[in-house]
Amino acid sequence: KPTSGEAFVFGQDVAKKSSQVRKMI
C-alpha cells in the first residue's frame, strides 16, 4: 500500500479496490 498519493489500474484504486484490480492483472 502506498504511504500517500494514488494509483489506479484501469480506473480502479489499487489500495481501495485491490480484489477488482487482481482480476485484471
PDB file of all heavy atoms in Angstrom:
ATOM      1  N   LYS A   1       0.852  -1.188   0.000  1.00  0.00           N
ATOM      2  CA  LYS A   1       0.000   0.000   0.000  1.00  0.00           C
ATOM      3  C   LYS A   1       0.888   1.238   0.000  1.00  0.00           C
ATOM      4  O   LYS A   1       1.914   1.277   0.689  1.00  0.00           O
ATOM      5  CB  LYS A   1      -0.921   0.002   1.218  1.00  0.00           C
ATOM      6  CG  LYS A   1      -2.034  -1.043   1.155  1.00  0.00           C
ATOM      7  CD  LYS A   1      -3.006  -0.867   2.287  1.00  0.00           C
ATOM      8  CE  LYS A   1      -4.131  -1.898   2.200  1.00  0.00           C
ATOM      9  NZ  LYS A   1      -4.960  -1.710   1.006  1.00  0.00           N
ATOM     10  N   PRO A   2       0.516   2.260  -0.749  1.00  0.00           N
ATOM     11  CA  PRO A   2       1.325   3.484  -0.767  1.00  0.00           C
ATOM     12  C   PRO A   2       1.194   4.245   0.545  1.00  0.00           C
ATOM     13  O   PRO A   2       0.191   4.136   1.249  1.00  0.00           O
ATOM     14  CB  PRO A   2       0.725   4.278  -1.932  1.00  0.00           C
ATOM     15  CG  PRO A   2      -0.691   3.809  -2.030  1.00  0.00           C
ATOM     16  CD  PRO A   2      -0.662   2.356  -1.650  1.00  0.00           C
ATOM     17  N   THR A   3       2.221   5.016   0.872  1.00  0.00           N
ATOM     18  CA  THR A   3       2.164   5.890   2.044  1.00  0.00           C
ATOM     19  C   THR A   3       1.250   7.065   1.781  1.00  0.00           C
ATOM     20  O   THR A   3       0.471   7.474   2.642  1.00  0.00           O
ATOM     21  CB  THR A   3       3.579   6.377   2.406  1.00  0.00           C
ATOM     22  OG1 THR A   3       4.432   5.235   2.613  1.00  0.00           O
ATOM     23  CG2 THR A   3       3.567   7.230   3.660  1.00  0.00           C
ATOM     24  N   SER A   4       1.324   7.599   0.574  1.00  0.00           N
ATOM     25  CA  SER A   4       0.421   8.670   0.153  1.00  0.00           C
ATOM     26  C   SER A   4       0.368   8.684  -1.368  1.00  0.00           C
ATOM     27  O   SER A   4       1.132   7.996  -2.040  1.00  0.00           O
ATOM     28  CB  SER A   4       0.877  10.029   0.696  1.00  0.00           C
ATOM     29  OG  SER A   4       2.145  10.384   0.169  1.00  0.00           O
ATOM     30  N   GLY A   5      -0.550   9.497  -1.902  1.00  0.00           N
ATOM     31  CA  GLY A   5      -0.744   9.525  -3.339  1.00  0.00           C
ATOM     32  C   GLY A   5      -1.755   8.482  -3.772  1.00  0.00           C
ATOM     33  O   GLY A   5      -2.324   7.750  -2.948  1.00  0.00           O
ATOM     34  N   GLU A   6      -1.977   8.398  -5.088  1.00  0.00           N
ATOM     35  CA  GLU A   6      -2.977   7.486  -5.632  1.00  0.00           C
ATOM     36  C   GLU A   6      -2.403   6.696  -6.808  1.00  0.00           C
ATOM     37  O   GLU A   6      -1.550   7.198  -7.540  1.00  0.00           O
ATOM     38  CB  GLU A   6      -4.209   8.265  -6.115  1.00  0.00           C
ATOM     39  CG  GLU A   6      -4.940   9.023  -5.025  1.00  0.00           C
ATOM     40  CD  GLU A   6      -6.088   9.842  -5.585  1.00  0.00           C
ATOM     41  OE1 GLU A   6      -5.810  10.688  -6.452  1.00  0.00           O
ATOM     42  OE2 GLU A   6      -7.242   9.634  -5.166  1.00  0.00           O
ATOM     43  N   ALA A   7      -2.923   5.487  -6.981  1.00  0.00           N
ATOM     44  CA  ALA A   7      -2.543   4.661  -8.124  1.00  0.00           C
ATOM     45  C   ALA A   7      -3.770   3.900  -8.595  1.00  0.00           C
ATOM     46  O   ALA A   7      -4.478   3.276  -7.796  1.00  0.00           O
ATOM     47  CB  ALA A   7      -1.432   3.692  -7.736  1.00  0.00           C
ATOM     48  N   PHE A   8      -4.014   3.967  -9.901  1.00  0.00           N
ATOM     49  CA  PHE A   8      -5.191   3.334 -10.481  1.00  0.00           C
ATOM     50  C   PHE A   8      -4.777   2.375 -11.596  1.00  0.00           C
ATOM     51  O   PHE A   8      -3.864   2.667 -12.369  1.00  0.00           O
ATOM     52  CB  PHE A   8      -6.149   4.382 -11.056  1.00  0.00           C
ATOM     53  CG  PHE A   8      -6.644   5.379 -10.044  1.00  0.00           C
ATOM     54  CD1 PHE A   8      -5.925   6.535  -9.779  1.00  0.00           C
ATOM     55  CD2 PHE A   8      -7.824   5.158  -9.343  1.00  0.00           C
ATOM     56  CE1 PHE A   8      -6.372   7.462  -8.846  1.00  0.00           C
ATOM     57  CE2 PHE A   8      -8.284   6.071  -8.400  1.00  0.00           C
ATOM     58  CZ  PHE A   8      -7.557   7.230  -8.154  1.00  0.00           C
ATOM     59  N   VAL A   9      -5.442   1.249 -11.673  1.00  0.00           N
ATOM     60  CA  VAL A   9      -5.287   0.308 -12.770  1.00  0.00           C
ATOM     61  C   VAL A   9      -6.644   0.183 -13.456  1.00  0.00           C
ATOM     62  O   VAL A   9      -7.616  -0.247 -12.828  1.00  0.00           O
ATOM     63  CB  VAL A   9      -4.797  -1.066 -12.275  1.00  0.00           C
ATOM     64  CG1 VAL A   9      -4.917  -2.111 -13.382  1.00  0.00           C
ATOM     65  CG2 VAL A   9      -3.345  -0.979 -11.807  1.00  0.00           C
ATOM     66  N   PHE A  10      -6.700   0.618 -14.695  1.00  0.00           N
ATOM     67  CA  PHE A  10      -7.964   0.674 -15.444  1.00  0.00           C
ATOM     68  C   PHE A  10      -9.065   1.328 -14.604  1.00  0.00           C
ATOM     69  O   PHE A  10     -10.202   0.854 -14.540  1.00  0.00           O
ATOM     70  CB  PHE A  10      -8.385  -0.721 -15.911  1.00  0.00           C
ATOM     71  CG  PHE A  10      -7.515  -1.271 -17.008  1.00  0.00           C
ATOM     72  CD1 PHE A  10      -6.572  -2.251 -16.739  1.00  0.00           C
ATOM     73  CD2 PHE A  10      -7.617  -0.786 -18.305  1.00  0.00           C
ATOM     74  CE1 PHE A  10      -5.757  -2.748 -17.743  1.00  0.00           C
ATOM     75  CE2 PHE A  10      -6.807  -1.280 -19.325  1.00  0.00           C
ATOM     76  CZ  PHE A  10      -5.876  -2.265 -19.042  1.00  0.00           C
ATOM     77  N   GLY A  11      -8.704   2.439 -13.962  1.00  0.00           N
ATOM     78  CA  GLY A  11      -9.666   3.227 -13.215  1.00  0.00           C
ATOM     79  C   GLY A  11      -9.964   2.745 -11.816  1.00  0.00           C
ATOM     80  O   GLY A  11     -10.685   3.415 -11.068  1.00  0.00           O
ATOM     81  N   GLN A  12      -9.395   1.599 -11.417  1.00  0.00           N
ATOM     82  CA  GLN A  12      -9.639   1.052 -10.082  1.00  0.00           C
ATOM     83  C   GLN A  12      -8.488   1.403  -9.140  1.00  0.00           C
ATOM     84  O   GLN A  12      -7.319   1.170  -9.462  1.00  0.00           O
ATOM     85  CB  GLN A  12      -9.804  -0.469 -10.147  1.00  0.00           C
ATOM     86  CG  GLN A  12     -10.958  -0.943 -11.014  1.00  0.00           C
ATOM     87  CD  GLN A  12     -12.315  -0.577 -10.424  1.00  0.00           C
ATOM     88  OE1 GLN A  12     -12.520  -0.626  -9.216  1.00  0.00           O
ATOM     89  NE2 GLN A  12     -13.257  -0.189 -11.286  1.00  0.00           N
ATOM     90  N   ASP A  13      -8.823   1.969  -7.995  1.00  0.00           N
ATOM     91  CA  ASP A  13      -7.820   2.332  -6.993  1.00  0.00           C
ATOM     92  C   ASP A  13      -7.172   1.064  -6.446  1.00  0.00           C
ATOM     93  O   ASP A  13      -7.852   0.187  -5.901  1.00  0.00           O
ATOM     94  CB  ASP A  13      -8.494   3.113  -5.861  1.00  0.00           C
ATOM     95  CG  ASP A  13      -7.497   3.731  -4.892  1.00  0.00           C
ATOM     96  OD1 ASP A  13      -6.603   3.005  -4.421  1.00  0.00           O
ATOM     97  OD2 ASP A  13      -7.631   4.928  -4.599  1.00  0.00           O
ATOM     98  N   VAL A  14      -5.845   0.941  -6.577  1.00  0.00           N
ATOM     99  CA  VAL A  14      -5.166  -0.296  -6.184  1.00  0.00           C
ATOM    100  C   VAL A  14      -5.209  -0.533  -4.681  1.00  0.00           C
ATOM    101  O   VAL A  14      -5.106  -1.675  -4.220  1.00  0.00           O
ATOM    102  CB  VAL A  14      -3.695  -0.312  -6.679  1.00  0.00           C
ATOM    103  CG1 VAL A  14      -3.627  -0.235  -8.186  1.00  0.00           C
ATOM    104  CG2 VAL A  14      -2.879   0.811  -6.037  1.00  0.00           C
ATOM    105  N   ALA A  15      -5.358   0.534  -3.892  1.00  0.00           N
ATOM    106  CA  ALA A  15      -5.415   0.393  -2.433  1.00  0.00           C
ATOM    107  C   ALA A  15      -6.826   0.067  -1.956  1.00  0.00           C
ATOM    108  O   ALA A  15      -7.007  -0.723  -1.029  1.00  0.00           O
ATOM    109  CB  ALA A  15      -4.907   1.664  -1.760  1.00  0.00           C
ATOM    110  N   LYS A  16      -7.830   0.653  -2.600  1.00  0.00           N
ATOM    111  CA  LYS A  16      -9.215   0.502  -2.140  1.00  0.00           C
ATOM    112  C   LYS A  16      -9.980  -0.596  -2.878  1.00  0.00           C
ATOM    113  O   LYS A  16     -10.967  -1.125  -2.365  1.00  0.00           O
ATOM    114  CB  LYS A  16      -9.959   1.824  -2.294  1.00  0.00           C
ATOM    115  CG  LYS A  16      -9.364   2.955  -1.474  1.00  0.00           C
ATOM    116  CD  LYS A  16     -10.076   4.271  -1.754  1.00  0.00           C
ATOM    117  CE  LYS A  16      -9.451   5.424  -0.964  1.00  0.00           C
ATOM    118  NZ  LYS A  16     -10.102   6.722  -1.277  1.00  0.00           N
ATOM    119  N   LYS A  17      -9.551  -0.936  -4.088  1.00  0.00           N
ATOM    120  CA  LYS A  17     -10.257  -1.923  -4.912  1.00  0.00           C
ATOM    121  C   LYS A  17      -9.304  -3.042  -5.327  1.00  0.00           C
ATOM    122  O   LYS A  17      -9.266  -3.458  -6.485  1.00  0.00           O
ATOM    123  CB  LYS A  17     -10.839  -1.251  -6.164  1.00  0.00           C
ATOM    124  CG  LYS A  17     -11.796  -0.099  -5.872  1.00  0.00           C
ATOM    125  CD  LYS A  17     -13.132  -0.594  -5.340  1.00  0.00           C
ATOM    126  CE  LYS A  17     -14.116   0.561  -5.183  1.00  0.00           C
ATOM    127  NZ  LYS A  17     -15.419   0.095  -4.682  1.00  0.00           N
ATOM    128  N   SER A  18      -8.521  -3.525  -4.368  1.00  0.00           N
ATOM    129  CA  SER A  18      -7.460  -4.482  -4.693  1.00  0.00           C
ATOM    130  C   SER A  18      -7.999  -5.773  -5.306  1.00  0.00           C
ATOM    131  O   SER A  18      -7.387  -6.331  -6.215  1.00  0.00           O
ATOM    132  CB  SER A  18      -6.638  -4.797  -3.441  1.00  0.00           C
ATOM    133  OG  SER A  18      -7.455  -5.301  -2.402  1.00  0.00           O
ATOM    134  N   SER A  19      -9.118  -6.279  -4.831  1.00  0.00           N
ATOM    135  CA  SER A  19      -9.654  -7.539  -5.374  1.00  0.00           C
ATOM    136  C   SER A  19     -10.067  -7.379  -6.828  1.00  0.00           C
ATOM    137  O   SER A  19      -9.854  -8.280  -7.647  1.00  0.00           O
ATOM    138  CB  SER A  19     -10.840  -8.025  -4.530  1.00  0.00           C
ATOM    139  OG  SER A  19     -11.881  -7.060  -4.514  1.00  0.00           O
ATOM    140  N   GLN A  20     -10.655  -6.220  -7.183  1.00  0.00           N
ATOM    141  CA  GLN A  20     -11.027  -5.972  -8.581  1.00  0.00           C
ATOM    142  C   GLN A  20      -9.781  -5.840  -9.461  1.00  0.00           C
ATOM    143  O   GLN A  20      -9.762  -6.320 -10.596  1.00  0.00           O
ATOM    144  CB  GLN A  20     -11.883  -4.698  -8.692  1.00  0.00           C
ATOM    145  CG  GLN A  20     -13.282  -4.837  -8.121  1.00  0.00           C
ATOM    146  CD  GLN A  20     -13.373  -4.404  -6.672  1.00  0.00           C
ATOM    147  OE1 GLN A  20     -12.442  -4.648  -5.898  1.00  0.00           O
ATOM    148  NE2 GLN A  20     -14.470  -3.762  -6.299  1.00  0.00           N
ATOM    149  N   VAL A  21      -8.753  -5.175  -8.922  1.00  0.00           N
ATOM    150  CA  VAL A  21      -7.512  -4.993  -9.679  1.00  0.00           C
ATOM    151  C   VAL A  21      -6.870  -6.344  -9.979  1.00  0.00           C
ATOM    152  O   VAL A  21      -6.429  -6.609 -11.097  1.00  0.00           O
ATOM    153  CB  VAL A  21      -6.531  -4.083  -8.919  1.00  0.00           C
ATOM    154  CG1 VAL A  21      -5.157  -4.086  -9.581  1.00  0.00           C
ATOM    155  CG2 VAL A  21      -7.074  -2.657  -8.845  1.00  0.00           C
ATOM    156  N   ARG A  22      -6.825  -7.223  -8.977  1.00  0.00           N
ATOM    157  CA  ARG A  22      -6.163  -8.519  -9.151  1.00  0.00           C
ATOM    158  C   ARG A  22      -6.844  -9.391 -10.205  1.00  0.00           C
ATOM    159  O   ARG A  22      -6.195 -10.270 -10.788  1.00  0.00           O
ATOM    160  CB  ARG A  22      -6.095  -9.255  -7.811  1.00  0.00           C
ATOM    161  CG  ARG A  22      -5.031  -8.689  -6.871  1.00  0.00           C
ATOM    162  CD  ARG A  22      -4.749  -9.617  -5.710  1.00  0.00           C
ATOM    163  NE  ARG A  22      -5.866  -9.668  -4.780  1.00  0.00           N
ATOM    164  CZ  ARG A  22      -5.990  -8.868  -3.728  1.00  0.00           C
ATOM    165  NH1 ARG A  22      -5.092  -7.930  -3.483  1.00  0.00           N
ATOM    166  NH2 ARG A  22      -7.028  -8.998  -2.912  1.00  0.00           N
ATOM    167  N   LYS A  23      -8.103  -9.148 -10.482  1.00  0.00           N
ATOM    168  CA  LYS A  23      -8.810  -9.914 -11.517  1.00  0.00           C
ATOM    169  C   LYS A  23      -8.388  -9.489 -12.923  1.00  0.00           C
ATOM    170  O   LYS A  23      -8.625 -10.218 -13.887  1.00  0.00           O
ATOM    171  CB  LYS A  23     -10.322  -9.736 -11.359  1.00  0.00           C
ATOM    172  CG  LYS A  23     -10.893 -10.371 -10.102  1.00  0.00           C
ATOM    173  CD  LYS A  23     -12.378 -10.066  -9.958  1.00  0.00           C
ATOM    174  CE  LYS A  23     -12.936 -10.654  -8.663  1.00  0.00           C
ATOM    175  NZ  LYS A  23     -14.371 -10.301  -8.481  1.00  0.00           N
ATOM    176  N   MET A  24      -7.761  -8.314 -13.026  1.00  0.00           N
ATOM    177  CA  MET A  24      -7.410  -7.768 -14.342  1.00  0.00           C
ATOM    178  C   MET A  24      -5.931  -7.894 -14.672  1.00  0.00           C
ATOM    179  O   MET A  24      -5.537  -7.634 -15.808  1.00  0.00           O
ATOM    180  CB  MET A  24      -7.803  -6.284 -14.406  1.00  0.00           C
ATOM    181  CG  MET A  24      -9.285  -6.016 -14.278  1.00  0.00           C
ATOM    182  SD  MET A  24      -9.676  -4.267 -14.547  1.00  0.00           S
ATOM    183  CE  MET A  24      -9.008  -3.531 -13.052  1.00  0.00           C
ATOM    184  N   ILE A  25      -5.121  -8.260 -13.680  1.00  0.00           N
ATOM    185  CA  ILE A  25      -3.671  -8.209 -13.889  1.00  0.00           C
ATOM    186  C   ILE A  25      -3.016  -9.574 -13.736  1.00  0.00           C
ATOM    187  O   ILE A  25      -3.565 -10.490 -13.123  1.00  0.00           O
ATOM    188  CB  ILE A  25      -3.004  -7.221 -12.909  1.00  0.00           C
ATOM    189  CG1 ILE A  25      -3.117  -7.740 -11.458  1.00  0.00           C
ATOM    190  CG2 ILE A  25      -3.594  -5.831 -13.058  1.00  0.00           C
ATOM    191  CD1 ILE A  25      -2.312  -6.946 -10.454  1.00  0.00           C
TER     192      ILE A  25
END
